[in-house]
Amino acid sequence: MEMMAALKQQPPQQHRNISLEVKRICCSN
């Protein structure tokens, strides 16, 4: 849940990069 909140606070450009990392983490879990 905290990860999602952090993404909303991040700028649009970084949001894409972070979103990709989050997807990898989700896949790993």
PDB file of N, CA and C in Angstrom:
ATOM      1  N   MET A   1       0.856  -1.209   0.000  1.00  0.00           N
ATOM      2  CA  MET A   1       0.000   0.000   0.000  1.00  0.00           C
ATOM      3  C   MET A   1       0.885   1.250   0.000  1.00  0.00           C
ATOM      4  N   GLU A   2       1.951   1.236   0.796  1.00  0.00           N
ATOM      5  CA  GLU A   2       2.838   2.400   0.868  1.00  0.00           C
ATOM      6  C   GLU A   2       3.491   2.667  -0.489  1.00  0.00           C
ATOM      7  N   MET A   3       3.784   1.596  -1.222  1.00  0.00           N
ATOM      8  CA  MET A   3       4.420   1.755  -2.535  1.00  0.00           C
ATOM      9  C   MET A   3       3.521   2.562  -3.461  1.00  0.00           C
ATOM     10  N   MET A   4       2.215   2.249  -3.461  1.00  0.00           N
ATOM     11  CA  MET A   4       1.273   2.959  -4.329  1.00  0.00           C
ATOM     12  C   MET A   4       1.224   4.436  -3.974  1.00  0.00           C
ATOM     13  N   ALA A   5       1.201   4.745  -2.685  1.00  0.00           N
ATOM     14  CA  ALA A   5       1.141   6.140  -2.237  1.00  0.00           C
ATOM     15  C   ALA A   5       2.397   6.880  -2.692  1.00  0.00           C
ATOM     16  N   ALA A   6       3.534   6.222  -2.625  1.00  0.00           N
ATOM     17  CA  ALA A   6       4.795   6.852  -3.038  1.00  0.00           C
ATOM     18  C   ALA A   6       4.758   7.155  -4.530  1.00  0.00           C
ATOM     19  N   LEU A   7       4.168   6.255  -5.320  1.00  0.00           N
ATOM     20  CA  LEU A   7       4.096   6.475  -6.768  1.00  0.00           C
ATOM     21  C   LEU A   7       3.281   7.721  -7.076  1.00  0.00           C
ATOM     22  N   LYS A   8       2.190   7.913  -6.377  1.00  0.00           N
ATOM     23  CA  LYS A   8       1.328   9.084  -6.629  1.00  0.00           C
ATOM     24  C   LYS A   8       2.085  10.386  -6.348  1.00  0.00           C
ATOM     25  N   GLN A   9       3.002  10.335  -5.384  1.00  0.00           N
ATOM     26  CA  GLN A   9       3.759  11.538  -5.020  1.00  0.00           C
ATOM     27  C   GLN A   9       4.865  11.822  -6.044  1.00  0.00           C
ATOM     28  N   GLN A  10       5.304  10.781  -6.758  1.00  0.00           N
ATOM     29  CA  GLN A  10       6.395  10.952  -7.716  1.00  0.00           C
ATOM     30  C   GLN A  10       5.907  11.656  -8.981  1.00  0.00           C
ATOM     31  N   PRO A  11       6.781  12.402  -9.668  1.00  0.00           N
ATOM     32  CA  PRO A  11       6.450  13.076 -10.920  1.00  0.00           C
ATOM     33  C   PRO A  11       6.103  12.070 -12.011  1.00  0.00           C
ATOM     34  N   PRO A  12       5.420  12.501 -13.075  1.00  0.00           N
ATOM     35  CA  PRO A  12       4.996  11.608 -14.170  1.00  0.00           C
ATOM     36  C   PRO A  12       6.176  10.878 -14.799  1.00  0.00           C
ATOM     37  N   GLN A  13       7.269  11.571 -15.056  1.00  0.00           N
ATOM     38  CA  GLN A  13       8.425  10.943 -15.713  1.00  0.00           C
ATOM     39  C   GLN A  13       8.976   9.809 -14.863  1.00  0.00           C
ATOM     40  N   GLN A  14       9.168  10.056 -13.576  1.00  0.00           N
ATOM     41  CA  GLN A  14       9.694   9.022 -12.691  1.00  0.00           C
ATOM     42  C   GLN A  14       8.651   7.937 -12.455  1.00  0.00           C
ATOM     43  N   HIS A  15       7.386   8.323 -12.549  1.00  0.00           N
ATOM     44  CA  HIS A  15       6.309   7.361 -12.288  1.00  0.00           C
ATOM     45  C   HIS A  15       6.439   6.158 -13.203  1.00  0.00           C
ATOM     46  N   ARG A  16       6.771   6.400 -14.471  1.00  0.00           N
ATOM     47  CA  ARG A  16       6.907   5.276 -15.413  1.00  0.00           C
ATOM     48  C   ARG A  16       8.047   4.360 -14.997  1.00  0.00           C
ATOM     49  N   ASN A  17       9.183   4.938 -14.665  1.00  0.00           N
ATOM     50  CA  ASN A  17      10.333   4.125 -14.264  1.00  0.00           C
ATOM     51  C   ASN A  17      10.033   3.341 -12.995  1.00  0.00           C
ATOM     52  N   ILE A  18       9.439   4.013 -12.024  1.00  0.00           N
ATOM     53  CA  ILE A  18       9.118   3.349 -10.752  1.00  0.00           C
ATOM     54  C   ILE A  18       8.074   2.263 -10.981  1.00  0.00           C
ATOM     55  N   SER A  19       7.099   2.542 -11.832  1.00  0.00           N
ATOM     56  CA  SER A  19       6.039   1.564 -12.083  1.00  0.00           C
ATOM     57  C   SER A  19       6.645   0.276 -12.620  1.00  0.00           C
ATOM     58  N   LEU A  20       7.644   0.397 -13.481  1.00  0.00           N
ATOM     59  CA  LEU A  20       8.292  -0.800 -14.031  1.00  0.00           C
ATOM     60  C   LEU A  20       8.974  -1.575 -12.909  1.00  0.00           C
ATOM     61  N   GLU A  21       9.639  -0.869 -12.019  1.00  0.00           N
ATOM     62  CA  GLU A  21      10.320  -1.540 -10.902  1.00  0.00           C
ATOM     63  C   GLU A  21       9.306  -2.223  -9.998  1.00  0.00           C
ATOM     64  N   VAL A  22       8.177  -1.558  -9.768  1.00  0.00           N
ATOM     65  CA  VAL A  22       7.135  -2.124  -8.905  1.00  0.00           C
ATOM     66  C   VAL A  22       6.602  -3.411  -9.523  1.00  0.00           C
ATOM     67  N   LYS A  23       6.428  -3.411 -10.839  1.00  0.00           N
ATOM     68  CA  LYS A  23       5.927  -4.615 -11.519  1.00  0.00           C
ATOM     69  C   LYS A  23       6.900  -5.761 -11.322  1.00  0.00           C
ATOM     70  N   ARG A  24       8.187  -5.466 -11.415  1.00  0.00           N
ATOM     71  CA  ARG A  24       9.197  -6.515 -11.218  1.00  0.00           C
ATOM     72  C   ARG A  24       9.104  -7.068  -9.800  1.00  0.00           C
ATOM     73  N   ILE A  25       8.945  -6.165  -8.834  1.00  0.00           N
ATOM     74  CA  ILE A  25       8.850  -6.595  -7.430  1.00  0.00           C
ATOM     75  C   ILE A  25       7.609  -7.473  -7.242  1.00  0.00           C
ATOM     76  N   CYS A  26       6.514  -7.046  -7.854  1.00  0.00           N
ATOM     77  CA  CYS A  26       5.267  -7.824  -7.724  1.00  0.00           C
ATOM     78  C   CYS A  26       5.464  -9.208  -8.324  1.00  0.00           C
ATOM     79  N   CYS A  27       6.126  -9.259  -9.464  1.00  0.00           N
ATOM     80  CA  CYS A  27       6.357 -10.556 -10.121  1.00  0.00           C
ATOM     81  C   CYS A  27       7.256 -11.424  -9.252  1.00  0.00           C
ATOM     82  N   SER A  28       8.244 -10.801  -8.629  1.00  0.00           N
ATOM     83  CA  SER A  28       9.172 -11.550  -7.774  1.00  0.00           C
ATOM     84  C   SER A  28       8.413 -12.147  -6.595  1.00  0.00           C
ATOM     85  N   ASN A  29       7.512 -11.359  -6.018  1.00  0.00           N
ATOM     86  CA  ASN A  29       6.741 -11.856  -4.881  1.00  0.00           C
ATOM     87  C   ASN A  29       5.765 -12.916  -5.367  1.00  0.00           C
TER      88      ASN A  29
END
